[in-house]
Amino acid sequence: MIHVEASATLSDSIILQKMLSGDVIIHPILDNKQISGAKVDLRLDNVFYLIGRFKKPYYDPMELVNKKGAGPGTRYVEKRRVQYGEKFVLHPNDYALAPLFEFVKLPKNILGRLDGRSSLGRLGIVVHSTAGSVDPGFEGHLVIELMNTGLLPVALYPLMRVATLILTTLSTDAERPYTGKYGDIEAYEDVESKFHRDEDLSVISQMLT
């Protein structure tokens, strides 16, 4: 019989203990104040991927099924790198993907939840993780979505705090921890959707032939 323990959200002191023991890796932490209450503040890095106009009439993941990479006409992001200390301006209706500065590694019994900072939300900047959660076993740089839904252009600076990570223990270790498409180091330089890698689409593709 499996022994089931109660799940719990980790406090700042427990988060720090797990980081010191190596059970949880969030690195580098530039200021101890990033860990407070029941969360860890995370920072922007200096690379932004601005979503631009698509060269085709629509995005069709089925066109990329069984292909190794995106071909001409399928790319839709513009990479922009800014120097530390300089700014990246997100204009109204702009949408960008941005890797976070810290490297994150979670064990098989901890789930993360990523939230945007309310100070940015009050300016119309929506900060969101594509899934909203960080699966047990995830290892890599988290990539957030930035959307300016307001009326004012907003300057964003590398290393500014933009999101918070909340950690919760699971009742048991996950039997199938994260082995998805976005955890490897390649994802840092290739943030476009990998929807076409879903196994479901391969099955559907066979049905269409």
N, C-alpha and C. Protein backbone atom coordinates (compact mmCIF):
# COMPACT_ATOMS: atom_id res chain seq x y z
N MET A 1 0.84 -1.19 0.00
CA MET A 1 0.00 0.00 0.00
C MET A 1 0.88 1.25 0.00
N ILE A 2 0.51 2.24 -0.80
CA ILE A 2 1.26 3.47 -0.89
C ILE A 2 0.94 4.36 0.29
N HIS A 3 1.99 4.86 0.94
CA HIS A 3 1.79 5.80 2.04
C HIS A 3 1.56 7.19 1.47
N VAL A 4 0.42 7.79 1.78
CA VAL A 4 0.06 9.09 1.24
C VAL A 4 0.18 10.14 2.33
N GLU A 5 0.97 11.17 2.06
CA GLU A 5 1.10 12.28 2.99
C GLU A 5 0.29 13.47 2.48
N ALA A 6 -0.07 14.35 3.39
CA ALA A 6 -0.84 15.53 3.01
C ALA A 6 0.05 16.49 2.23
N SER A 7 -0.53 17.09 1.20
CA SER A 7 0.22 18.10 0.44
C SER A 7 0.22 19.41 1.21
N ALA A 8 1.20 20.26 0.94
CA ALA A 8 1.30 21.53 1.65
C ALA A 8 2.08 22.52 0.81
N THR A 9 1.68 23.79 0.90
CA THR A 9 2.44 24.86 0.26
C THR A 9 3.64 25.18 1.13
N LEU A 10 4.80 25.33 0.50
CA LEU A 10 6.03 25.53 1.25
C LEU A 10 6.20 26.98 1.67
N SER A 11 6.59 27.19 2.91
CA SER A 11 6.89 28.53 3.41
C SER A 11 8.30 28.92 2.98
N ASP A 12 8.65 30.18 3.19
CA ASP A 12 9.97 30.66 2.78
C ASP A 12 11.10 29.89 3.47
N SER A 13 10.93 29.56 4.76
CA SER A 13 11.99 28.86 5.48
C SER A 13 12.19 27.45 4.94
N ILE A 14 11.09 26.78 4.57
CA ILE A 14 11.20 25.42 4.03
C ILE A 14 11.78 25.47 2.62
N ILE A 15 11.37 26.47 1.84
CA ILE A 15 11.95 26.62 0.50
C ILE A 15 13.46 26.78 0.59
N LEU A 16 13.90 27.63 1.52
CA LEU A 16 15.33 27.86 1.68
C LEU A 16 16.05 26.59 2.11
N GLN A 17 15.43 25.83 3.02
CA GLN A 17 16.03 24.56 3.46
C GLN A 17 16.21 23.61 2.29
N LYS A 18 15.18 23.51 1.45
CA LYS A 18 15.25 22.58 0.32
C LYS A 18 16.25 23.05 -0.73
N MET A 19 16.43 24.36 -0.84
CA MET A 19 17.43 24.88 -1.77
C MET A 19 18.84 24.61 -1.24
N LEU A 20 19.02 24.78 0.06
CA LEU A 20 20.34 24.55 0.66
C LEU A 20 20.72 23.07 0.59
N SER A 21 19.71 22.19 0.69
CA SER A 21 19.98 20.75 0.62
C SER A 21 20.14 20.25 -0.81
N GLY A 22 19.73 21.08 -1.79
CA GLY A 22 19.81 20.67 -3.19
C GLY A 22 18.58 19.95 -3.69
N ASP A 23 17.56 19.79 -2.84
CA ASP A 23 16.32 19.15 -3.30
C ASP A 23 15.62 20.01 -4.35
N VAL A 24 15.68 21.31 -4.15
CA VAL A 24 15.12 22.28 -5.10
C VAL A 24 16.25 23.19 -5.54
N ILE A 25 16.34 23.42 -6.86
CA ILE A 25 17.37 24.33 -7.38
C ILE A 25 16.67 25.52 -8.04
N ILE A 26 16.95 26.70 -7.54
CA ILE A 26 16.53 27.96 -8.17
C ILE A 26 17.76 28.85 -8.12
N HIS A 27 18.42 29.02 -9.26
CA HIS A 27 19.74 29.63 -9.25
C HIS A 27 19.96 30.47 -10.51
N PRO A 28 20.58 31.66 -10.37
CA PRO A 28 21.08 32.26 -9.13
C PRO A 28 20.03 33.12 -8.44
N ILE A 29 20.11 33.22 -7.14
CA ILE A 29 19.31 34.14 -6.35
C ILE A 29 20.17 35.36 -6.08
N LEU A 30 19.78 36.51 -6.61
CA LEU A 30 20.60 37.71 -6.49
C LEU A 30 20.38 38.45 -5.17
N ASP A 31 19.23 38.18 -4.53
CA ASP A 31 18.89 38.86 -3.29
C ASP A 31 18.06 37.91 -2.45
N ASN A 32 18.42 37.72 -1.18
CA ASN A 32 17.67 36.81 -0.31
C ASN A 32 16.22 37.22 -0.16
N LYS A 33 15.92 38.51 -0.41
CA LYS A 33 14.54 38.97 -0.30
C LYS A 33 13.66 38.39 -1.40
N GLN A 34 14.26 37.75 -2.39
CA GLN A 34 13.46 37.07 -3.41
C GLN A 34 12.65 35.92 -2.81
N ILE A 35 13.12 35.39 -1.69
CA ILE A 35 12.42 34.29 -1.02
C ILE A 35 11.72 34.85 0.21
N SER A 36 10.40 34.94 0.15
CA SER A 36 9.65 35.52 1.28
C SER A 36 8.24 34.97 1.29
N GLY A 37 7.66 34.94 2.49
CA GLY A 37 6.30 34.45 2.64
C GLY A 37 6.20 32.99 2.24
N ALA A 38 5.61 32.75 1.08
CA ALA A 38 5.49 31.39 0.56
C ALA A 38 5.78 31.39 -0.94
N LYS A 39 6.79 32.18 -1.33
CA LYS A 39 7.06 32.32 -2.76
C LYS A 39 8.52 32.67 -3.00
N VAL A 40 8.90 32.52 -4.27
CA VAL A 40 10.22 32.95 -4.73
C VAL A 40 9.99 33.88 -5.92
N ASP A 41 10.51 35.10 -5.82
CA ASP A 41 10.41 36.03 -6.94
C ASP A 41 11.41 35.65 -8.02
N LEU A 42 10.98 35.70 -9.28
CA LEU A 42 11.83 35.37 -10.41
C LEU A 42 12.00 36.59 -11.31
N ARG A 43 13.13 36.64 -12.01
CA ARG A 43 13.51 37.82 -12.77
C ARG A 43 13.54 37.57 -14.27
N LEU A 44 13.37 38.65 -15.01
CA LEU A 44 13.54 38.60 -16.46
C LEU A 44 15.00 38.38 -16.82
N ASP A 45 15.24 37.68 -17.91
CA ASP A 45 16.58 37.68 -18.49
C ASP A 45 16.61 38.77 -19.56
N ASN A 46 17.62 38.78 -20.39
CA ASN A 46 17.77 39.88 -21.36
C ASN A 46 17.42 39.49 -22.79
N VAL A 47 16.68 38.38 -22.95
CA VAL A 47 16.27 37.94 -24.29
C VAL A 47 14.75 37.94 -24.36
N PHE A 48 14.24 38.51 -25.44
CA PHE A 48 12.79 38.58 -25.65
C PHE A 48 12.49 38.08 -27.06
N TYR A 49 11.38 37.37 -27.19
CA TYR A 49 10.93 36.88 -28.49
C TYR A 49 9.58 37.51 -28.79
N LEU A 50 9.60 38.51 -29.66
CA LEU A 50 8.39 39.25 -29.98
C LEU A 50 7.61 38.51 -31.05
N ILE A 51 6.34 38.27 -30.76
CA ILE A 51 5.48 37.58 -31.72
C ILE A 51 5.09 38.56 -32.83
N GLY A 52 5.39 38.19 -34.05
CA GLY A 52 5.12 39.08 -35.18
C GLY A 52 4.05 38.54 -36.10
N ARG A 53 3.95 39.16 -37.25
CA ARG A 53 2.98 38.71 -38.26
C ARG A 53 3.42 37.37 -38.84
N PHE A 54 2.45 36.54 -39.16
CA PHE A 54 2.71 35.22 -39.71
C PHE A 54 2.72 35.32 -41.22
N LYS A 55 3.66 34.63 -41.87
CA LYS A 55 3.78 34.72 -43.33
C LYS A 55 2.76 33.85 -44.05
N LYS A 56 2.09 33.00 -43.30
CA LYS A 56 1.06 32.16 -43.90
C LYS A 56 -0.31 32.62 -43.42
N PRO A 57 -1.40 32.16 -44.04
CA PRO A 57 -2.72 32.61 -43.64
C PRO A 57 -3.09 32.19 -42.22
N TYR A 58 -2.48 31.10 -41.73
CA TYR A 58 -2.77 30.63 -40.38
C TYR A 58 -1.69 29.64 -39.97
N TYR A 59 -1.61 29.40 -38.67
CA TYR A 59 -0.65 28.43 -38.16
C TYR A 59 -1.31 27.05 -38.14
N ASP A 60 -0.70 26.10 -38.80
CA ASP A 60 -1.24 24.74 -38.87
C ASP A 60 -0.19 23.77 -38.35
N PRO A 61 -0.32 23.27 -37.11
CA PRO A 61 0.69 22.36 -36.57
C PRO A 61 0.84 21.08 -37.38
N MET A 62 -0.21 20.69 -38.09
CA MET A 62 -0.15 19.46 -38.86
C MET A 62 0.87 19.54 -39.99
N GLU A 63 1.17 20.75 -40.47
CA GLU A 63 2.17 20.90 -41.52
C GLU A 63 3.56 20.53 -41.03
N LEU A 64 3.77 20.60 -39.72
CA LEU A 64 5.09 20.33 -39.16
C LEU A 64 5.22 18.93 -38.57
N VAL A 65 4.14 18.18 -38.57
CA VAL A 65 4.19 16.83 -38.03
C VAL A 65 5.18 16.00 -38.85
N ASN A 66 6.03 15.27 -38.15
CA ASN A 66 7.06 14.42 -38.76
C ASN A 66 8.17 15.21 -39.45
N LYS A 67 8.21 16.52 -39.23
CA LYS A 67 9.31 17.33 -39.74
C LYS A 67 10.21 17.73 -38.57
N LYS A 68 11.50 17.88 -38.81
CA LYS A 68 12.45 18.15 -37.74
C LYS A 68 12.41 19.59 -37.27
N GLY A 69 12.07 20.50 -38.12
CA GLY A 69 12.10 21.90 -37.70
C GLY A 69 11.17 22.75 -38.53
N ALA A 70 11.09 24.01 -38.15
CA ALA A 70 10.22 24.93 -38.87
C ALA A 70 10.89 25.38 -40.16
N GLY A 71 10.17 25.30 -41.22
CA GLY A 71 10.72 25.70 -42.51
C GLY A 71 10.40 27.15 -42.81
N PRO A 72 10.77 27.61 -44.01
CA PRO A 72 10.47 28.99 -44.41
C PRO A 72 8.98 29.27 -44.34
N GLY A 73 8.67 30.40 -43.77
CA GLY A 73 7.27 30.80 -43.68
C GLY A 73 6.57 30.34 -42.42
N THR A 74 7.22 29.48 -41.62
CA THR A 74 6.55 28.99 -40.41
C THR A 74 7.04 29.71 -39.15
N ARG A 75 8.13 30.48 -39.26
CA ARG A 75 8.64 31.21 -38.11
C ARG A 75 7.78 32.45 -37.86
N TYR A 76 7.55 32.75 -36.61
CA TYR A 76 6.68 33.88 -36.30
C TYR A 76 7.19 34.71 -35.12
N VAL A 77 8.43 34.49 -34.70
CA VAL A 77 8.98 35.28 -33.61
C VAL A 77 10.23 36.03 -34.06
N GLU A 78 10.43 37.18 -33.47
CA GLU A 78 11.62 37.99 -33.72
C GLU A 78 12.41 38.08 -32.42
N LYS A 79 13.62 37.56 -32.44
CA LYS A 79 14.46 37.55 -31.24
C LYS A 79 15.08 38.92 -31.02
N ARG A 80 14.97 39.41 -29.80
CA ARG A 80 15.60 40.67 -29.44
C ARG A 80 16.39 40.49 -28.14
N ARG A 81 17.64 40.85 -28.20
CA ARG A 81 18.49 40.78 -27.01
C ARG A 81 18.86 42.20 -26.60
N VAL A 82 18.65 42.52 -25.34
CA VAL A 82 19.01 43.85 -24.85
C VAL A 82 20.12 43.72 -23.82
N GLN A 83 20.93 44.72 -23.71
CA GLN A 83 22.00 44.70 -22.74
C GLN A 83 21.43 44.87 -21.33
N TYR A 84 22.09 44.26 -20.36
CA TYR A 84 21.69 44.47 -18.98
C TYR A 84 21.84 45.96 -18.66
N GLY A 85 20.80 46.52 -18.06
CA GLY A 85 20.79 47.95 -17.79
C GLY A 85 20.00 48.73 -18.81
N GLU A 86 19.74 48.12 -19.99
CA GLU A 86 18.91 48.76 -21.00
C GLU A 86 17.48 48.22 -20.91
N LYS A 87 16.59 48.77 -21.69
CA LYS A 87 15.18 48.42 -21.57
C LYS A 87 14.62 47.81 -22.85
N PHE A 88 13.58 47.02 -22.64
CA PHE A 88 12.78 46.46 -23.74
C PHE A 88 11.38 47.04 -23.57
N VAL A 89 10.88 47.71 -24.59
CA VAL A 89 9.57 48.37 -24.49
C VAL A 89 8.50 47.47 -25.10
N LEU A 90 7.50 47.15 -24.30
CA LEU A 90 6.37 46.35 -24.76
C LEU A 90 5.20 47.29 -25.03
N HIS A 91 4.84 47.40 -26.29
CA HIS A 91 3.79 48.34 -26.69
C HIS A 91 2.40 47.70 -26.55
N PRO A 92 1.35 48.53 -26.50
CA PRO A 92 0.00 47.98 -26.44
C PRO A 92 -0.26 46.97 -27.55
N ASN A 93 -0.86 45.85 -27.18
CA ASN A 93 -1.19 44.73 -28.06
C ASN A 93 0.03 43.91 -28.46
N ASP A 94 1.22 44.28 -28.01
CA ASP A 94 2.39 43.45 -28.26
C ASP A 94 2.34 42.20 -27.39
N TYR A 95 2.92 41.13 -27.92
CA TYR A 95 2.95 39.85 -27.21
C TYR A 95 4.35 39.28 -27.38
N ALA A 96 4.97 38.90 -26.27
CA ALA A 96 6.34 38.40 -26.34
C ALA A 96 6.53 37.21 -25.41
N LEU A 97 7.47 36.36 -25.77
CA LEU A 97 7.90 35.26 -24.91
C LEU A 97 9.25 35.64 -24.32
N ALA A 98 9.43 35.34 -23.03
CA ALA A 98 10.66 35.78 -22.36
C ALA A 98 11.15 34.70 -21.39
N PRO A 99 12.35 34.15 -21.63
CA PRO A 99 12.93 33.22 -20.65
C PRO A 99 13.27 33.97 -19.37
N LEU A 100 13.09 33.30 -18.24
CA LEU A 100 13.45 33.90 -16.96
C LEU A 100 14.92 33.65 -16.64
N PHE A 101 15.45 34.48 -15.78
CA PHE A 101 16.88 34.49 -15.47
C PHE A 101 17.32 33.25 -14.71
N GLU A 102 16.48 32.78 -13.79
CA GLU A 102 16.87 31.69 -12.91
C GLU A 102 16.68 30.32 -13.57
N PHE A 103 17.61 29.43 -13.30
CA PHE A 103 17.48 28.02 -13.67
C PHE A 103 16.69 27.33 -12.56
N VAL A 104 15.68 26.53 -12.94
CA VAL A 104 14.81 25.88 -11.95
C VAL A 104 14.84 24.38 -12.14
N LYS A 105 14.98 23.67 -11.04
CA LYS A 105 14.90 22.21 -11.06
C LYS A 105 14.07 21.75 -9.87
N LEU A 106 12.98 21.02 -10.15
CA LEU A 106 12.09 20.54 -9.09
C LEU A 106 12.18 19.02 -8.98
N PRO A 107 12.07 18.50 -7.76
CA PRO A 107 12.05 17.05 -7.58
C PRO A 107 10.70 16.46 -7.97
N LYS A 108 10.58 15.16 -7.87
CA LYS A 108 9.36 14.47 -8.32
C LYS A 108 8.17 14.65 -7.39
N ASN A 109 8.39 15.27 -6.22
CA ASN A 109 7.28 15.42 -5.28
C ASN A 109 6.91 16.87 -5.03
N ILE A 110 7.34 17.78 -5.91
CA ILE A 110 7.01 19.20 -5.73
C ILE A 110 6.46 19.78 -7.03
N LEU A 111 5.35 20.48 -6.91
CA LEU A 111 4.69 21.16 -8.02
C LEU A 111 4.86 22.67 -7.84
N GLY A 112 5.14 23.38 -8.93
CA GLY A 112 5.27 24.82 -8.88
C GLY A 112 4.10 25.52 -9.54
N ARG A 113 3.77 26.72 -9.05
CA ARG A 113 2.75 27.55 -9.70
C ARG A 113 3.35 28.93 -9.93
N LEU A 114 3.28 29.39 -11.16
CA LEU A 114 3.88 30.66 -11.55
C LEU A 114 2.79 31.72 -11.71
N ASP A 115 2.98 32.84 -11.04
CA ASP A 115 2.05 33.96 -11.12
C ASP A 115 2.81 35.22 -11.50
N GLY A 116 2.13 36.14 -12.20
CA GLY A 116 2.72 37.43 -12.51
C GLY A 116 2.60 38.39 -11.33
N ARG A 117 3.44 39.38 -11.30
CA ARG A 117 3.39 40.38 -10.23
C ARG A 117 2.25 41.35 -10.49
N SER A 118 1.52 41.68 -9.43
CA SER A 118 0.36 42.56 -9.55
C SER A 118 0.76 43.97 -9.97
N SER A 119 1.97 44.40 -9.62
CA SER A 119 2.41 45.76 -9.99
C SER A 119 2.44 45.92 -11.50
N LEU A 120 2.84 44.86 -12.22
CA LEU A 120 2.83 44.92 -13.68
C LEU A 120 1.40 44.80 -14.22
N GLY A 121 0.59 43.97 -13.56
CA GLY A 121 -0.79 43.81 -13.98
C GLY A 121 -1.56 45.12 -13.94
N ARG A 122 -1.22 45.98 -12.99
CA ARG A 122 -1.91 47.27 -12.89
C ARG A 122 -1.50 48.24 -13.97
N LEU A 123 -0.46 47.89 -14.73
CA LEU A 123 -0.06 48.68 -15.89
C LEU A 123 -0.58 48.07 -17.19
N GLY A 124 -1.30 46.95 -17.06
CA GLY A 124 -1.83 46.28 -18.24
C GLY A 124 -0.95 45.18 -18.77
N ILE A 125 0.16 44.89 -18.06
CA ILE A 125 1.07 43.83 -18.51
C ILE A 125 0.65 42.52 -17.88
N VAL A 126 0.20 41.60 -18.70
CA VAL A 126 -0.20 40.28 -18.23
C VAL A 126 1.01 39.36 -18.32
N VAL A 127 1.38 38.78 -17.18
CA VAL A 127 2.50 37.84 -17.11
C VAL A 127 1.92 36.46 -16.86
N HIS A 128 2.23 35.53 -17.74
CA HIS A 128 1.62 34.21 -17.62
C HIS A 128 2.59 33.14 -18.08
N SER A 129 2.53 32.00 -17.40
CA SER A 129 3.25 30.83 -17.89
C SER A 129 2.29 30.04 -18.76
N THR A 130 2.79 29.45 -19.84
CA THR A 130 1.91 28.80 -20.80
C THR A 130 0.98 27.78 -20.16
N ALA A 131 1.46 27.08 -19.16
CA ALA A 131 0.62 26.09 -18.49
C ALA A 131 0.14 26.58 -17.13
N GLY A 132 0.78 27.63 -16.59
CA GLY A 132 0.40 28.13 -15.29
C GLY A 132 1.00 27.34 -14.14
N SER A 133 1.52 26.16 -14.44
CA SER A 133 2.12 25.33 -13.40
C SER A 133 3.45 24.78 -13.90
N VAL A 134 4.29 24.41 -12.95
CA VAL A 134 5.60 23.81 -13.26
C VAL A 134 5.57 22.38 -12.76
N ASP A 135 5.62 21.44 -13.66
CA ASP A 135 5.44 20.03 -13.30
C ASP A 135 6.58 19.51 -12.44
N PRO A 136 6.29 18.51 -11.59
CA PRO A 136 7.35 17.83 -10.86
C PRO A 136 8.38 17.27 -11.84
N GLY A 137 9.65 17.42 -11.52
CA GLY A 137 10.70 16.93 -12.39
C GLY A 137 11.16 17.91 -13.44
N PHE A 138 10.52 19.09 -13.51
CA PHE A 138 10.93 20.08 -14.51
C PHE A 138 12.36 20.54 -14.24
N GLU A 139 13.11 20.76 -15.31
CA GLU A 139 14.48 21.24 -15.20
C GLU A 139 14.78 22.15 -16.37
N GLY A 140 15.05 23.41 -16.11
CA GLY A 140 15.36 24.34 -17.18
C GLY A 140 15.01 25.77 -16.80
N HIS A 141 14.99 26.63 -17.81
CA HIS A 141 14.59 28.03 -17.63
C HIS A 141 13.11 28.15 -17.99
N LEU A 142 12.33 28.68 -17.09
CA LEU A 142 10.92 28.91 -17.38
C LEU A 142 10.78 30.04 -18.38
N VAL A 143 9.82 29.91 -19.28
CA VAL A 143 9.54 30.94 -20.27
C VAL A 143 8.15 31.49 -20.00
N ILE A 144 8.06 32.80 -19.84
CA ILE A 144 6.77 33.42 -19.56
C ILE A 144 6.24 34.12 -20.82
N GLU A 145 4.95 34.38 -20.80
CA GLU A 145 4.29 35.16 -21.84
C GLU A 145 4.05 36.55 -21.30
N LEU A 146 4.37 37.55 -22.10
CA LEU A 146 4.15 38.94 -21.74
C LEU A 146 3.18 39.55 -22.75
N MET A 147 2.07 40.09 -22.27
CA MET A 147 1.08 40.70 -23.14
C MET A 147 0.72 42.07 -22.59
N ASN A 148 0.82 43.10 -23.43
CA ASN A 148 0.43 44.44 -23.02
C ASN A 148 -1.02 44.67 -23.42
N THR A 149 -1.91 44.56 -22.46
CA THR A 149 -3.34 44.76 -22.71
C THR A 149 -3.78 46.17 -22.36
N GLY A 150 -2.83 47.01 -21.94
CA GLY A 150 -3.15 48.37 -21.54
C GLY A 150 -3.05 49.36 -22.68
N LEU A 151 -3.00 50.64 -22.31
CA LEU A 151 -2.95 51.71 -23.29
C LEU A 151 -1.57 52.34 -23.39
N LEU A 152 -0.68 52.04 -22.43
CA LEU A 152 0.63 52.67 -22.39
C LEU A 152 1.74 51.69 -22.74
N PRO A 153 2.71 52.13 -23.53
CA PRO A 153 3.92 51.31 -23.66
C PRO A 153 4.60 51.22 -22.30
N VAL A 154 5.19 50.07 -22.01
CA VAL A 154 5.82 49.85 -20.70
C VAL A 154 7.25 49.34 -20.92
N ALA A 155 8.19 49.97 -20.23
CA ALA A 155 9.59 49.56 -20.31
C ALA A 155 9.86 48.43 -19.33
N LEU A 156 10.46 47.36 -19.82
CA LEU A 156 10.83 46.21 -18.99
C LEU A 156 12.35 46.08 -19.02
N TYR A 157 12.94 45.82 -17.86
CA TYR A 157 14.38 45.76 -17.74
C TYR A 157 14.84 44.36 -17.35
N PRO A 158 15.90 43.85 -17.98
CA PRO A 158 16.48 42.58 -17.54
C PRO A 158 16.81 42.64 -16.05
N LEU A 159 16.55 41.53 -15.37
CA LEU A 159 16.79 41.32 -13.94
C LEU A 159 15.72 41.96 -13.05
N MET A 160 14.70 42.60 -13.64
CA MET A 160 13.60 43.06 -12.80
C MET A 160 12.72 41.88 -12.43
N ARG A 161 12.14 41.93 -11.23
CA ARG A 161 11.27 40.85 -10.76
C ARG A 161 9.92 40.96 -11.46
N VAL A 162 9.50 39.87 -12.12
CA VAL A 162 8.27 39.91 -12.91
C VAL A 162 7.27 38.82 -12.52
N ALA A 163 7.74 37.78 -11.83
CA ALA A 163 6.86 36.65 -11.53
C ALA A 163 7.21 36.06 -10.16
N THR A 164 6.29 35.29 -9.61
CA THR A 164 6.52 34.60 -8.35
C THR A 164 6.26 33.10 -8.54
N LEU A 165 7.07 32.30 -7.90
CA LEU A 165 6.93 30.85 -7.96
C LEU A 165 6.53 30.33 -6.60
N ILE A 166 5.40 29.64 -6.54
CA ILE A 166 4.90 29.03 -5.31
C ILE A 166 5.08 27.52 -5.44
N LEU A 167 5.58 26.89 -4.39
CA LEU A 167 5.89 25.46 -4.42
C LEU A 167 4.99 24.70 -3.46
N THR A 168 4.49 23.57 -3.93
CA THR A 168 3.60 22.72 -3.13
C THR A 168 4.09 21.28 -3.20
N THR A 169 4.15 20.62 -2.05
CA THR A 169 4.53 19.21 -2.04
C THR A 169 3.34 18.36 -2.47
N LEU A 170 3.61 17.27 -3.17
CA LEU A 170 2.57 16.33 -3.58
C LEU A 170 2.37 15.28 -2.50
N SER A 171 1.24 14.61 -2.55
CA SER A 171 0.95 13.55 -1.58
C SER A 171 1.92 12.38 -1.74
N THR A 172 2.37 12.13 -2.98
CA THR A 172 3.38 11.11 -3.27
C THR A 172 4.25 11.61 -4.42
N ASP A 173 5.35 10.95 -4.67
CA ASP A 173 6.16 11.28 -5.84
C ASP A 173 5.35 11.04 -7.11
N ALA A 174 5.54 11.90 -8.10
CA ALA A 174 4.88 11.69 -9.39
C ALA A 174 5.49 10.47 -10.08
N GLU A 175 4.65 9.57 -10.55
CA GLU A 175 5.14 8.39 -11.26
C GLU A 175 5.65 8.75 -12.65
N ARG A 176 5.07 9.78 -13.24
CA ARG A 176 5.50 10.24 -14.56
C ARG A 176 5.87 11.72 -14.47
N PRO A 177 7.07 12.03 -13.95
CA PRO A 177 7.49 13.43 -13.85
C PRO A 177 7.69 14.04 -15.23
N TYR A 178 7.94 15.33 -15.26
CA TYR A 178 8.02 16.08 -16.51
C TYR A 178 9.10 15.54 -17.44
N THR A 179 8.70 15.21 -18.64
CA THR A 179 9.65 14.83 -19.70
C THR A 179 9.21 15.49 -21.01
N GLY A 180 8.65 16.68 -20.87
CA GLY A 180 8.02 17.33 -22.01
C GLY A 180 8.97 18.00 -22.97
N LYS A 181 8.42 18.94 -23.77
CA LYS A 181 9.13 19.51 -24.90
C LYS A 181 9.89 20.79 -24.56
N TYR A 182 9.71 21.32 -23.37
CA TYR A 182 10.24 22.65 -23.09
C TYR A 182 11.24 22.69 -21.94
N GLY A 183 11.69 21.56 -21.45
CA GLY A 183 12.59 21.56 -20.31
C GLY A 183 14.06 21.56 -20.65
N ASP A 184 14.42 21.18 -21.88
CA ASP A 184 15.84 21.09 -22.20
C ASP A 184 16.42 22.47 -22.50
N ILE A 185 17.74 22.54 -22.52
CA ILE A 185 18.41 23.82 -22.71
C ILE A 185 18.12 24.41 -24.08
N GLU A 186 17.77 23.56 -25.06
CA GLU A 186 17.43 24.03 -26.40
C GLU A 186 16.23 24.95 -26.35
N ALA A 187 15.33 24.72 -25.38
CA ALA A 187 14.11 25.51 -25.30
C ALA A 187 14.41 26.98 -25.04
N TYR A 188 15.56 27.27 -24.42
CA TYR A 188 15.92 28.66 -24.15
C TYR A 188 16.11 29.44 -25.43
N GLU A 189 16.61 28.79 -26.47
CA GLU A 189 16.85 29.46 -27.74
C GLU A 189 15.78 29.14 -28.76
N ASP A 190 14.85 28.30 -28.43
CA ASP A 190 13.81 27.90 -29.37
C ASP A 190 12.48 27.86 -28.62
N VAL A 191 11.88 29.03 -28.44
CA VAL A 191 10.71 29.13 -27.58
C VAL A 191 9.40 29.00 -28.33
N GLU A 192 9.46 28.85 -29.64
CA GLU A 192 8.22 28.74 -30.41
C GLU A 192 7.43 27.50 -30.00
N SER A 193 6.14 27.53 -30.28
CA SER A 193 5.27 26.42 -29.92
C SER A 193 5.76 25.11 -30.55
N LYS A 194 5.76 24.07 -29.74
CA LYS A 194 6.10 22.73 -30.23
C LYS A 194 4.85 21.85 -30.23
N PHE A 195 3.74 22.49 -30.51
CA PHE A 195 2.45 21.80 -30.55
C PHE A 195 2.50 20.62 -31.52
N HIS A 196 3.27 20.80 -32.61
CA HIS A 196 3.32 19.76 -33.64
C HIS A 196 4.01 18.49 -33.16
N ARG A 197 4.67 18.52 -31.99
CA ARG A 197 5.31 17.33 -31.46
C ARG A 197 4.38 16.46 -30.63
N ASP A 198 3.16 16.93 -30.40
CA ASP A 198 2.20 16.13 -29.63
C ASP A 198 1.95 14.79 -30.33
N GLU A 199 1.96 13.74 -29.54
CA GLU A 199 1.72 12.41 -30.11
C GLU A 199 0.32 12.31 -30.70
N ASP A 200 -0.64 13.04 -30.13
CA ASP A 200 -2.01 12.99 -30.65
C ASP A 200 -2.06 13.40 -32.11
N LEU A 201 -1.25 14.41 -32.48
CA LEU A 201 -1.29 14.90 -33.85
C LEU A 201 -0.75 13.86 -34.82
N SER A 202 0.23 13.09 -34.39
CA SER A 202 0.76 12.02 -35.26
C SER A 202 -0.32 10.99 -35.55
N VAL A 203 -1.09 10.67 -34.51
CA VAL A 203 -2.19 9.72 -34.69
C VAL A 203 -3.24 10.29 -35.63
N ILE A 204 -3.57 11.57 -35.44
CA ILE A 204 -4.56 12.21 -36.30
C ILE A 204 -4.07 12.27 -37.74
N SER A 205 -2.76 12.54 -37.91
CA SER A 205 -2.18 12.60 -39.24
C SER A 205 -2.34 11.27 -39.98
N GLN A 206 -2.16 10.16 -39.28
CA GLN A 206 -2.32 8.86 -39.89
C GLN A 206 -3.78 8.62 -40.30
N MET A 207 -4.70 9.17 -39.51
CA MET A 207 -6.12 9.04 -39.83
C MET A 207 -6.49 9.80 -41.11
N LEU A 208 -5.73 10.87 -41.38
CA LEU A 208 -6.05 11.71 -42.53
C LEU A 208 -5.47 11.17 -43.84
N THR A 209 -4.57 10.19 -43.72
CA THR A 209 -3.94 9.66 -44.94
C THR A 209 -4.72 8.47 -45.50
